[in-house]
Amino acid sequence: MPPSNTPESNEERSQWPGQNFGHGLAAEARVDANEPFRFRGLSTQPHPYWRVAHSRTASEEILYGSLPTPSPQSDQYRTAEECEVPWPIDWQALDYVDKVDDNLMCSICRTPFDLPVSTNPCDHSFCRPCLDQYLHASHGNSLSSERVPCPVCRTSLDHSGWAPGNAHSPAEHVARPSGRLLLAMLDQLTVKCPNNPRLCTWTGPRSTLLQHIRSHCRFTKVHCVSRNCTQLIVRGSQSQECQHFDTICSYCEADIVKAEQYEHLMLDCPTYIEKCSTCRDRVPRDQMVAHQIECWQQPGECLYASDGCTAKAKRGELQSHQLSCIYGQVSLLRSSFAQRMDTSDSLALSNRTRVTMQLQQLSTKTEDTHVRMRRLEGEVRALSEENRALKTALAEQQEKQLEAMSFNMGPAGPAAGGLLSELDSRNTEMLQYLHDQGARQFAMLQNRLKPLEEGHHDLNGRLGSLEMQVRWLRSIGRLQQRQNNLGSGMNATSQASSETSVAARDGVGEASSAAGAAAERRLSDQMDRARM
């Protein structure tokens, strides 16, 4: 059962009986022999502002719940006819339910016609107020005060029989009322009530709008029933006595005017009890959004709708469906593959980073080695030059000694010959030492460069292996993309294994046949684990 304090529709709001209200709603009394009278309204307790005439009987108090209808002869209260206010309707500001045909739109105000008239010479239709305003504005600006151009085709409109001081409408001199067909089409347009759209949800033909506002709409402003009150009140909240006094909302305890209590409850009160549109539970208005998020009767989509599932049901029934949804299994398989791909990408990225760092370190070491080699080469060249200088000096010294000895070769001949032989032996030893020193320096440089060359070749081999692994991982990613697009189940998985083997062979086209077979075995093992 829906809560009794919530109108089911606009029709229910429009059927409030007898102008009797409690909390702004039509409170209907219920007679029970075993209980004191209660309202079927906002509360099960008697309303705090319930007023009873001392001259009433108990049955009258239960049936009406307010003072009797004042007599028309009373000077204190207005009659129903006196309370009505002849509100004008702004036809150009109406909100239409459906899109209006352009042929029913006025070319001046760009809204559906209001009192349409058609010009005599060119038969173009306009709203009569729009055409009057146009003729008034064009009368003083036109070169000929008796002729103005048509707003559409610029044909001259003769209104010589009208002057600005004339009480008649200028449109009467240049146009005639439009045909009945156009009027009938305008009357059939579906419009919304121009009163508060959050309260009155009435829609109907435009021809019945005036009757709805002035006779039926419960949210049209009317005069207060008291002649001493000059304020207005909506027709639905009107009572047998003045409602313009301060009171307190029984829900949120806010200070309000009794005449505006219904609008407050229906629009502004945060703690007003409303019913959920799905489970029909009574929930405070400020908690309705949170309730609808958690409501088990609220319709929703399957958790795997993004994977292709089109099932829609109540939240309470979706849980059992999601446990057996085939798209859920596909989603788990996709998540597993995505996780593995992320892991592989992370591993490849870390390996690439590590190899890059190693290459940078090797490059730095190679540059240092080149610097040292250049420095050693300079030292070798310096030693060679020094060796040549020593050889030259030694040769010169030997020549000088030979010249000196040639003059003194007498009895000292054998001693001088021994000295010369000793000098020759020392010279030979010095030359041999220099030659050995150069050979040792060259061998030392060769030994230092050999590990660097081997490390360089090893890094090239590792980079080639990493490139093969990256191509293989990319082929797995392309396979997974094809599986997602096809939405295939187990058959698509077996087909993907063959495609993956082909992609693996393409990615490692330069590898040996044994390496290609090993890559296919690894891929098939992964597909088998994914099925499990």
Protein backbone atom coordinates (compact mmCIF):
# COMPACT_ATOMS: atom_id res chain seq x y z
CA MET A 1 0.00 0.00 0.00
CA PRO A 2 1.45 3.45 -0.86
CA PRO A 3 1.64 5.99 1.94
CA SER A 4 -1.53 7.91 2.37
CA ASN A 5 0.25 11.26 2.57
CA THR A 6 1.71 11.05 -0.96
CA PRO A 7 -0.51 11.86 -3.97
CA GLU A 8 -0.38 9.12 -6.57
CA SER A 9 -0.73 11.47 -9.54
CA ASN A 10 -1.94 14.85 -10.61
CA GLU A 11 -5.46 13.49 -10.84
CA GLU A 12 -5.34 12.45 -7.18
CA ARG A 13 -4.03 15.90 -6.26
CA SER A 14 -6.93 17.39 -8.20
CA GLN A 15 -9.55 15.43 -6.23
CA TRP A 16 -9.13 16.85 -2.74
CA PRO A 17 -12.60 16.72 -1.19
CA GLY A 18 -14.47 19.56 0.41
CA GLN A 19 -11.54 22.02 0.73
CA ASN A 20 -10.62 20.30 4.04
CA PHE A 21 -6.88 20.16 4.66
CA GLY A 22 -4.42 18.94 7.23
CA HIS A 23 -0.78 19.79 6.60
CA GLY A 24 -1.80 21.21 3.23
CA LEU A 25 -3.31 17.89 2.03
CA ALA A 26 -6.95 16.93 1.87
CA ALA A 27 -7.37 15.23 5.20
CA GLU A 28 -10.14 12.68 5.12
CA ALA A 29 -11.66 11.70 8.41
CA ARG A 30 -12.23 8.05 9.29
CA VAL A 31 -14.94 6.99 11.73
CA ASP A 32 -14.15 4.04 13.98
CA ALA A 33 -16.39 3.06 16.84
CA ASN A 34 -13.48 1.64 18.87
CA GLU A 35 -10.98 4.49 18.37
CA PRO A 36 -11.01 8.26 18.60
CA PHE A 37 -11.21 9.92 15.21
CA ARG A 38 -7.94 10.12 13.24
CA PHE A 39 -6.96 11.69 9.96
CA ARG A 40 -5.95 9.64 7.02
CA GLY A 41 -3.31 12.23 6.27
CA LEU A 42 0.16 13.09 7.45
CA SER A 43 -0.08 11.71 10.98
CA THR A 44 -2.15 9.25 12.99
CA GLN A 45 -2.46 11.83 15.77
CA PRO A 46 -5.09 14.60 15.75
CA HIS A 47 -3.76 17.64 13.93
CA PRO A 48 -2.50 20.37 16.34
CA TYR A 49 -4.32 23.06 14.37
CA TRP A 50 -7.64 21.19 14.21
CA ARG A 51 -10.40 23.61 15.03
CA VAL A 52 -13.87 22.56 16.06
CA ALA A 53 -16.94 24.76 16.22
CA HIS A 54 -18.74 24.50 19.55
CA SER A 55 -22.06 24.37 17.73
CA ARG A 56 -21.08 21.21 15.79
CA THR A 57 -22.09 17.72 16.62
CA ALA A 58 -19.52 14.91 16.90
CA SER A 59 -20.46 13.54 13.47
CA GLU A 60 -19.94 16.95 11.86
CA GLU A 61 -16.53 17.27 13.53
CA ILE A 62 -15.46 13.91 12.15
CA LEU A 63 -16.81 14.49 8.64
CA TYR A 64 -15.59 18.03 8.03
CA GLY A 65 -12.88 18.80 10.56
CA SER A 66 -13.25 22.58 10.14
CA LEU A 67 -15.73 25.36 10.45
CA PRO A 68 -18.85 25.15 8.29
CA THR A 69 -18.86 26.87 4.94
CA PRO A 70 -19.53 30.56 5.51
CA SER A 71 -22.78 31.99 4.32
CA PRO A 72 -22.62 34.11 1.14
CA GLN A 73 -24.38 36.87 3.05
CA SER A 74 -21.57 37.04 5.59
CA ASP A 75 -19.39 40.14 5.33
CA GLN A 76 -16.40 38.32 6.82
CA TYR A 77 -15.86 35.70 4.08
CA ARG A 78 -15.72 35.81 0.31
CA THR A 79 -17.77 33.53 -1.87
CA ALA A 80 -16.12 31.06 -4.23
CA GLU A 81 -16.78 33.36 -7.18
CA GLU A 82 -15.27 36.34 -5.36
CA CYS A 83 -12.11 34.37 -4.55
CA GLU A 84 -11.35 33.65 -8.18
CA VAL A 85 -8.76 35.83 -9.94
CA PRO A 86 -9.06 36.14 -13.75
CA TRP A 87 -5.40 35.51 -14.43
CA PRO A 88 -4.35 36.24 -18.02
CA ILE A 89 -2.43 33.53 -19.86
CA ASP A 90 0.86 34.33 -21.55
CA TRP A 91 0.33 32.17 -24.62
CA GLN A 92 3.80 32.89 -25.95
CA ALA A 93 5.44 31.49 -22.79
CA LEU A 94 3.66 28.13 -22.78
CA ASP A 95 5.68 24.92 -22.70
CA TYR A 96 4.58 22.40 -25.31
CA VAL A 97 4.94 18.65 -24.87
CA ASP A 98 5.77 17.85 -28.50
CA LYS A 99 7.74 19.78 -31.07
CA VAL A 100 5.52 22.30 -32.84
CA ASP A 101 5.40 22.34 -36.63
CA ASP A 102 7.13 25.36 -38.16
CA ASN A 103 3.96 26.13 -40.13
CA LEU A 104 2.21 26.89 -36.83
CA MET A 105 4.91 29.32 -35.68
CA CYS A 106 4.60 33.08 -35.89
CA SER A 107 7.39 34.65 -37.96
CA ILE A 108 7.68 37.57 -35.52
CA CYS A 109 7.70 35.98 -32.05
CA ARG A 110 8.74 32.46 -33.20
CA THR A 111 6.11 30.83 -30.97
CA PRO A 112 2.83 29.10 -31.87
CA PHE A 113 0.15 31.50 -33.06
CA ASP A 114 -1.97 33.42 -30.56
CA LEU A 115 -5.13 34.82 -32.17
CA PRO A 116 -3.76 34.19 -35.69
CA VAL A 117 -4.57 36.61 -38.52
CA SER A 118 -3.61 36.47 -42.21
CA THR A 119 -2.54 39.50 -44.22
CA ASN A 120 -4.84 40.46 -47.08
CA PRO A 121 -2.45 40.86 -50.02
CA CYS A 122 0.10 38.08 -49.34
CA ASP A 123 -1.81 35.72 -46.98
CA HIS A 124 0.98 35.39 -44.38
CA SER A 125 -0.14 34.50 -40.86
CA PHE A 126 0.95 36.23 -37.64
CA CYS A 127 -0.21 36.59 -34.07
CA ARG A 128 -2.55 39.56 -33.88
CA PRO A 129 -0.68 41.11 -30.90
CA CYS A 130 2.63 40.66 -32.76
CA LEU A 131 1.24 42.25 -35.93
CA ASP A 132 -0.26 45.14 -33.93
CA GLN A 133 3.08 45.80 -32.27
CA TYR A 134 4.87 45.61 -35.62
CA LEU A 135 2.45 48.06 -37.25
CA HIS A 136 2.72 50.47 -34.31
CA ALA A 137 6.52 50.38 -34.53
CA SER A 138 6.59 50.69 -38.32
CA HIS A 139 4.03 53.49 -38.60
CA GLY A 140 6.45 56.26 -37.66
CA ASN A 141 9.51 54.76 -39.39
CA SER A 142 7.94 54.06 -42.80
CA LEU A 143 8.47 56.54 -45.66
CA SER A 144 4.74 56.36 -46.31
CA SER A 145 2.69 56.43 -43.13
CA GLU A 146 -0.16 54.61 -44.91
CA ARG A 147 1.86 51.58 -46.13
CA VAL A 148 4.29 49.31 -44.29
CA PRO A 149 6.06 46.20 -45.67
CA CYS A 150 5.02 42.67 -44.75
CA PRO A 151 7.50 41.19 -42.22
CA VAL A 152 7.98 38.11 -44.45
CA CYS A 153 7.77 39.06 -48.12
CA ARG A 154 8.01 42.91 -47.81
CA THR A 155 4.72 43.37 -49.66
CA SER A 156 3.11 46.73 -48.87
CA LEU A 157 0.35 46.56 -46.28
CA ASP A 158 -2.21 49.36 -46.57
CA HIS A 159 -3.52 50.57 -43.21
CA SER A 160 -4.65 54.01 -44.30
CA GLY A 161 -7.84 53.69 -42.28
CA TRP A 162 -5.95 53.53 -39.00
CA ALA A 163 -4.14 56.23 -37.01
CA PRO A 164 -2.05 55.92 -33.83
CA GLY A 165 -4.82 57.47 -31.77
CA ASN A 166 -7.44 55.07 -33.12
CA ALA A 167 -8.84 52.64 -30.57
CA HIS A 168 -9.16 49.82 -33.09
CA SER A 169 -6.42 47.30 -33.70
CA PRO A 170 -4.26 48.20 -36.72
CA ALA A 171 -4.20 44.52 -37.70
CA GLU A 172 -7.94 44.74 -38.49
CA HIS A 173 -7.16 47.02 -41.45
CA VAL A 174 -4.44 44.87 -43.06
CA ALA A 175 -5.39 41.31 -42.05
CA ARG A 176 -8.31 39.00 -41.50
CA PRO A 177 -8.85 36.16 -39.00
CA SER A 178 -7.17 32.92 -40.06
CA GLY A 179 -9.19 29.94 -41.19
CA ARG A 180 -10.77 27.34 -38.93
CA LEU A 181 -8.28 24.66 -39.98
CA LEU A 182 -5.35 26.62 -38.53
CA LEU A 183 -7.30 27.34 -35.35
CA ALA A 184 -8.19 23.65 -34.97
CA MET A 185 -4.55 22.62 -35.37
CA LEU A 186 -3.51 25.15 -32.73
CA ASP A 187 -6.21 23.95 -30.33
CA GLN A 188 -4.95 20.37 -30.62
CA LEU A 189 -1.40 21.23 -29.50
CA THR A 190 -0.56 19.54 -26.20
CA VAL A 191 0.63 22.03 -23.56
CA LYS A 192 1.73 21.88 -19.95
CA CYS A 193 0.10 23.77 -17.12
CA PRO A 194 1.84 27.16 -16.68
CA ASN A 195 1.45 26.95 -12.90
CA ASN A 196 4.18 25.42 -10.77
CA PRO A 197 5.50 22.57 -12.99
CA ARG A 198 6.88 20.72 -9.96
CA LEU A 199 3.38 20.40 -8.52
CA CYS A 200 0.91 20.41 -11.39
CA THR A 201 1.74 17.80 -14.02
CA TRP A 202 -1.37 18.40 -16.12
CA THR A 203 -1.02 18.24 -19.89
CA GLY A 204 -3.78 18.59 -22.42
CA PRO A 205 -5.02 20.36 -25.55
CA ARG A 206 -4.40 24.07 -25.69
CA SER A 207 -8.11 24.68 -26.13
CA THR A 208 -8.79 23.38 -22.58
CA LEU A 209 -5.92 25.24 -20.87
CA LEU A 210 -7.98 28.26 -19.86
CA GLN A 211 -10.71 26.10 -18.31
CA HIS A 212 -8.08 24.04 -16.46
CA ILE A 213 -6.39 27.09 -14.94
CA ARG A 214 -9.53 28.97 -13.95
CA SER A 215 -11.64 26.03 -12.79
CA HIS A 216 -9.70 22.85 -12.08
CA CYS A 217 -6.02 23.52 -11.35
CA ARG A 218 -5.41 23.27 -7.60
CA PHE A 219 -2.31 25.45 -7.87
CA THR A 220 -3.87 28.58 -9.32
CA LYS A 221 -3.55 31.60 -7.04
CA VAL A 222 -6.89 32.86 -5.67
CA HIS A 223 -7.98 35.38 -3.04
CA CYS A 224 -8.03 34.32 0.57
CA VAL A 225 -11.51 33.45 1.81
CA SER A 226 -11.29 36.14 4.47
CA ARG A 227 -12.24 39.62 3.35
CA ASN A 228 -9.79 41.04 5.87
CA CYS A 229 -6.85 39.27 4.17
CA THR A 230 -5.35 40.70 0.99
CA GLN A 231 -2.95 37.84 0.29
CA LEU A 232 -3.31 35.10 -2.28
CA ILE A 233 -3.40 31.36 -1.75
CA VAL A 234 -3.38 28.38 -4.10
CA ARG A 235 -6.82 26.99 -4.73
CA GLY A 236 -5.92 23.57 -3.32
CA SER A 237 -4.87 25.02 0.06
CA GLN A 238 -7.90 27.27 0.45
CA SER A 239 -10.00 26.58 3.52
CA GLN A 240 -13.09 28.00 5.20
CA GLU A 241 -10.98 30.52 7.10
CA CYS A 242 -7.79 32.48 6.59
CA GLN A 243 -4.70 30.30 6.38
CA HIS A 244 -2.13 33.12 6.45
CA PHE A 245 -0.66 32.61 9.88
CA ASP A 246 2.67 31.27 11.05
CA THR A 247 3.00 27.65 12.04
CA ILE A 248 5.65 24.95 12.41
CA CYS A 249 6.19 22.05 10.05
CA SER A 250 5.50 18.80 11.90
CA TYR A 251 8.32 17.09 9.96
CA CYS A 252 11.30 19.46 9.84
CA GLU A 253 10.00 21.94 12.47
CA ALA A 254 10.65 24.87 10.16
CA ASP A 255 8.71 28.12 10.52
CA ILE A 256 6.27 28.35 7.62
CA VAL A 257 2.99 29.98 6.68
CA LYS A 258 0.02 27.66 6.92
CA ALA A 259 -1.18 28.70 3.45
CA GLU A 260 2.15 27.53 1.98
CA GLN A 261 2.31 24.30 3.95
CA TYR A 262 1.44 22.02 1.04
CA GLU A 263 4.06 23.58 -1.25
CA HIS A 264 6.58 23.26 1.57
CA LEU A 265 5.82 19.58 2.10
CA MET A 266 5.79 18.70 -1.58
CA LEU A 267 8.89 20.68 -2.57
CA ASP A 268 11.12 21.86 0.27
CA CYS A 269 10.67 19.78 3.42
CA PRO A 270 13.78 17.56 3.75
CA THR A 271 12.25 15.06 6.18
CA TYR A 272 8.87 14.63 4.49
CA ILE A 273 8.03 10.95 4.09
CA GLU A 274 7.88 9.82 0.46
CA LYS A 275 7.51 6.39 -1.06
CA CYS A 276 10.14 4.68 -3.14
CA SER A 277 8.98 4.31 -6.74
CA THR A 278 10.19 0.69 -6.88
CA CYS A 279 9.85 -0.97 -3.48
CA ARG A 280 7.09 1.41 -2.21
CA ASP A 281 8.84 1.82 1.15
CA ARG A 282 8.38 5.04 3.10
CA VAL A 283 11.64 6.96 3.20
CA PRO A 284 12.45 10.55 4.26
CA ARG A 285 13.10 12.78 1.28
CA ASP A 286 16.69 13.58 2.28
CA GLN A 287 17.45 9.84 2.40
CA MET A 288 15.70 8.90 -0.84
CA VAL A 289 18.80 9.17 -3.04
CA ALA A 290 20.82 6.87 -0.77
CA HIS A 291 17.86 4.47 -0.53
CA GLN A 292 17.49 4.23 -4.31
CA ILE A 293 21.20 3.44 -4.64
CA GLU A 294 20.83 0.48 -2.27
CA CYS A 295 17.24 -0.52 -3.10
CA TRP A 296 17.08 -4.20 -4.09
CA GLN A 297 13.99 -3.57 -6.20
CA GLN A 298 15.76 -0.95 -8.29
CA PRO A 299 16.40 -2.20 -11.86
CA GLY A 300 20.01 -2.40 -12.94
CA GLU A 301 22.42 -3.90 -15.42
CA CYS A 302 24.67 -6.92 -15.09
CA LEU A 303 28.11 -6.31 -13.63
CA TYR A 304 29.57 -7.57 -16.91
CA ALA A 305 27.57 -5.26 -19.18
CA SER A 306 30.81 -3.73 -20.44
CA ASP A 307 31.83 -7.20 -21.65
CA GLY A 308 28.65 -7.64 -23.72
CA CYS A 309 26.01 -8.93 -21.28
CA THR A 310 22.58 -7.38 -21.94
CA ALA A 311 20.76 -8.84 -18.94
CA LYS A 312 18.73 -6.35 -16.87
CA ALA A 313 16.86 -7.19 -13.70
CA LYS A 314 16.29 -6.06 -10.15
CA ARG A 315 19.36 -5.77 -7.98
CA GLY A 316 18.16 -8.63 -5.81
CA GLU A 317 18.03 -10.94 -8.85
CA LEU A 318 21.23 -9.78 -10.52
CA GLN A 319 23.48 -11.40 -7.93
CA SER A 320 22.41 -14.95 -8.83
CA HIS A 321 22.65 -14.11 -12.54
CA GLN A 322 26.19 -12.76 -12.21
CA LEU A 323 27.37 -16.01 -10.61
CA SER A 324 26.47 -17.97 -13.77
CA CYS A 325 26.97 -15.25 -16.40
CA ILE A 326 29.17 -16.56 -19.23
CA TYR A 327 30.42 -13.05 -19.85
CA GLY A 328 31.80 -13.11 -16.32
CA GLN A 329 34.01 -16.06 -17.21
CA VAL A 330 35.18 -14.23 -20.31
CA SER A 331 35.86 -11.18 -18.15
CA LEU A 332 37.91 -13.24 -15.70
CA LEU A 333 39.90 -14.72 -18.58
CA ARG A 334 40.45 -11.27 -20.01
CA SER A 335 41.52 -9.95 -16.62
CA SER A 336 43.95 -12.85 -16.24
CA PHE A 337 45.47 -12.18 -19.63
CA ALA A 338 45.59 -8.45 -18.93
CA GLN A 339 47.36 -9.09 -15.63
CA ARG A 340 49.87 -11.36 -17.33
CA MET A 341 50.40 -8.82 -20.06
CA ASP A 342 50.97 -6.12 -17.46
CA THR A 343 53.46 -8.37 -15.67
CA SER A 344 55.24 -9.13 -18.93
CA ASP A 345 55.31 -5.48 -19.88
CA SER A 346 56.69 -4.56 -16.46
CA LEU A 347 59.34 -7.29 -16.73
CA ALA A 348 60.28 -6.21 -20.25
CA LEU A 349 60.46 -2.59 -19.13
CA SER A 350 62.64 -3.45 -16.15
CA ASN A 351 64.91 -5.59 -18.35
CA ARG A 352 65.14 -2.84 -20.91
CA THR A 353 65.97 -0.34 -18.19
CA ARG A 354 68.61 -2.62 -16.72
CA VAL A 355 70.17 -3.29 -20.14
CA THR A 356 70.15 0.43 -20.90
CA MET A 357 71.94 1.15 -17.64
CA GLN A 358 74.48 -1.58 -18.36
CA LEU A 359 75.05 -0.18 -21.83
CA GLN A 360 75.59 3.26 -20.38
CA GLN A 361 78.05 1.87 -17.86
CA LEU A 362 79.90 -0.08 -20.58
CA SER A 363 79.95 2.99 -22.79
CA THR A 364 81.45 4.99 -19.93
CA LYS A 365 84.03 2.29 -19.28
CA THR A 366 84.86 2.09 -23.00
CA GLU A 367 85.40 5.83 -23.13
CA ASP A 368 87.65 5.62 -20.06
CA THR A 369 89.59 2.77 -21.69
CA HIS A 370 90.05 4.78 -24.86
CA VAL A 371 91.33 7.70 -22.79
CA ARG A 372 93.76 5.45 -20.97
CA MET A 373 94.88 3.87 -24.24
CA ARG A 374 95.53 7.28 -25.73
CA ARG A 375 97.46 8.24 -22.63
CA LEU A 376 99.51 5.02 -22.79
CA GLU A 377 100.18 5.54 -26.47
CA GLY A 378 101.51 8.99 -25.64
CA GLU A 379 103.72 7.51 -22.97
CA VAL A 380 104.99 4.85 -25.42
CA ARG A 381 105.77 7.53 -27.98
CA ALA A 382 107.60 9.54 -25.33
CA LEU A 383 109.61 6.46 -24.31
CA SER A 384 110.41 5.73 -27.95
CA GLU A 385 111.65 9.26 -28.48
CA GLU A 386 113.67 9.05 -25.27
CA ASN A 387 115.10 5.70 -26.43
CA ARG A 388 116.12 7.19 -29.76
CA ALA A 389 117.72 10.14 -27.96
CA LEU A 390 119.63 7.77 -25.71
CA LYS A 391 120.77 5.74 -28.69
CA THR A 392 121.95 8.89 -30.43
CA ALA A 393 123.76 10.10 -27.33
CA LEU A 394 125.33 6.67 -26.85
CA ALA A 395 126.53 6.56 -30.44
CA GLU A 396 128.03 10.00 -30.14
CA GLN A 397 129.70 9.00 -26.89
CA GLN A 398 131.15 5.90 -28.51
CA GLU A 399 132.50 7.89 -31.42
CA LYS A 400 134.14 10.35 -29.06
CA GLN A 401 135.67 7.54 -27.06
CA LEU A 402 136.95 5.85 -30.21
CA GLU A 403 138.52 9.07 -31.40
CA ALA A 404 140.15 9.59 -28.03
CA MET A 405 141.38 6.06 -27.93
CA SER A 406 142.80 6.28 -31.44
CA PHE A 407 145.38 8.74 -30.14
CA ASN A 408 146.21 6.69 -27.09
CA MET A 409 146.30 3.17 -28.39
CA GLY A 410 149.81 2.45 -27.20
CA PRO A 411 150.25 0.13 -24.24
CA ALA A 412 146.56 0.72 -23.18
CA GLY A 413 145.17 -1.03 -26.26
CA PRO A 414 143.87 -4.22 -24.58
CA ALA A 415 142.17 -2.29 -21.72
CA ALA A 416 140.42 0.04 -24.14
CA GLY A 417 139.20 -2.90 -26.16
CA GLY A 418 137.66 -4.46 -23.03
CA LEU A 419 135.91 -1.18 -22.20
CA LEU A 420 134.45 -0.95 -25.69
CA SER A 421 133.13 -4.47 -25.54
CA GLU A 422 131.49 -3.73 -22.18
CA LEU A 423 129.83 -0.62 -23.60
CA ASP A 424 128.53 -2.61 -26.56
CA SER A 425 127.03 -5.23 -24.26
CA ARG A 426 125.33 -2.59 -22.11
CA ASN A 427 123.97 -0.90 -25.20
CA THR A 428 122.56 -4.21 -26.38
CA GLU A 429 120.95 -4.84 -22.97
CA MET A 430 119.41 -1.36 -22.99
CA LEU A 431 117.91 -1.94 -26.43
CA GLN A 432 116.55 -5.33 -25.36
CA TYR A 433 115.03 -3.77 -22.20
CA LEU A 434 113.29 -1.07 -24.20
CA HIS A 435 111.94 -3.65 -26.64
CA ASP A 436 110.66 -5.86 -23.82
CA GLN A 437 109.08 -2.87 -22.07
CA GLY A 438 107.14 -1.93 -25.23
CA ALA A 439 105.97 -5.54 -25.68
CA ARG A 440 104.75 -5.71 -22.06
CA GLN A 441 102.81 -2.44 -22.43
CA PHE A 442 101.15 -3.71 -25.62
CA ALA A 443 100.24 -7.06 -24.02
CA MET A 444 98.81 -5.29 -20.98
CA LEU A 445 96.59 -3.11 -23.20
CA GLN A 446 95.41 -6.16 -25.13
CA ASN A 447 94.49 -7.97 -21.90
CA ARG A 448 92.48 -4.97 -20.66
CA LEU A 449 90.57 -4.51 -23.90
CA LYS A 450 89.66 -8.17 -24.39
CA PRO A 451 87.07 -8.37 -21.49
CA LEU A 452 85.46 -5.17 -22.73
CA GLU A 453 85.03 -6.62 -26.22
CA GLU A 454 83.59 -9.85 -24.80
CA GLY A 455 81.12 -7.89 -22.62
CA HIS A 456 80.08 -5.85 -25.64
CA HIS A 457 79.33 -9.02 -27.64
CA ASP A 458 77.40 -10.47 -24.66
CA LEU A 459 75.22 -7.34 -24.43
CA ASN A 460 74.45 -7.50 -28.13
CA GLY A 461 73.29 -11.09 -27.67
CA ARG A 462 71.07 -10.15 -24.71
CA LEU A 463 69.50 -7.26 -26.61
CA GLY A 464 68.64 -9.59 -29.47
CA SER A 465 67.00 -12.04 -27.04
CA LEU A 466 64.97 -9.23 -25.40
CA GLU A 467 63.76 -8.01 -28.78
CA MET A 468 62.56 -11.53 -29.61
CA GLN A 469 60.70 -11.72 -26.27
CA VAL A 470 59.07 -8.30 -26.81
CA ARG A 471 57.85 -9.34 -30.27
CA TRP A 472 56.44 -12.53 -28.77
CA LEU A 473 54.61 -10.58 -26.04
CA ARG A 474 53.17 -8.20 -28.62
CA SER A 475 51.86 -11.15 -30.60
CA ILE A 476 50.09 -12.38 -27.44
CA GLY A 477 48.53 -8.91 -27.05
CA ARG A 478 47.25 -8.95 -30.62
CA LEU A 479 45.77 -12.39 -30.01
CA GLN A 480 43.98 -11.18 -26.87
CA GLN A 481 42.57 -8.20 -28.79
CA ARG A 482 41.14 -10.53 -31.42
CA GLN A 483 39.56 -12.69 -28.70
CA ASN A 484 37.85 -9.66 -27.12
CA ASN A 485 36.50 -8.42 -30.45
CA LEU A 486 35.09 -11.80 -31.45
CA GLY A 487 33.68 -12.48 -27.98
CA SER A 488 34.56 -16.12 -28.46
CA GLY A 489 34.62 -18.69 -25.72
CA MET A 490 36.56 -21.90 -25.61
CA ASN A 491 36.59 -22.40 -29.41
CA ALA A 492 38.09 -18.94 -29.89
CA THR A 493 40.75 -19.82 -27.33
CA SER A 494 41.86 -22.93 -29.29
CA GLN A 495 41.89 -20.92 -32.51
CA ALA A 496 43.91 -18.18 -30.81
CA SER A 497 46.61 -20.74 -29.91
CA SER A 498 47.29 -21.40 -33.60
CA GLU A 499 47.25 -17.68 -34.38
CA THR A 500 49.61 -17.02 -31.51
CA SER A 501 52.05 -19.69 -32.78
CA VAL A 502 52.01 -18.02 -36.22
CA ALA A 503 52.55 -14.60 -34.63
CA ALA A 504 55.38 -16.02 -32.53
CA ARG A 505 57.05 -17.49 -35.63
CA ASP A 506 56.67 -14.15 -37.41
CA GLY A 507 58.15 -12.23 -34.44
CA VAL A 508 61.19 -14.48 -34.26
CA GLY A 509 61.62 -15.10 -37.99
CA GLU A 510 65.38 -15.08 -37.73
CA ALA A 511 65.49 -17.55 -34.78
CA SER A 512 66.08 -21.25 -35.23
CA SER A 513 63.26 -23.77 -35.69
CA ALA A 514 63.95 -25.21 -32.23
CA ALA A 515 63.47 -21.79 -30.61
CA GLY A 516 60.20 -21.30 -32.57
CA ALA A 517 58.87 -24.67 -31.37
CA ALA A 518 59.78 -23.80 -27.78
CA ALA A 519 57.90 -20.46 -28.08
CA GLU A 520 54.81 -22.29 -29.39
CA ARG A 521 54.96 -24.77 -26.49
CA ARG A 522 55.17 -21.94 -23.98
CA LEU A 523 52.19 -20.15 -25.60
CA SER A 524 50.07 -23.32 -25.66
CA ASP A 525 50.89 -23.98 -22.00
CA GLN A 526 49.72 -20.46 -21.14
CA MET A 527 46.48 -20.91 -23.07
CA ASP A 528 45.84 -24.23 -21.21
CA ARG A 529 46.40 -22.54 -17.86
CA ALA A 530 44.05 -19.71 -18.90
CA ARG A 531 41.29 -22.23 -19.70
CA MET A 532 41.66 -23.80 -16.24
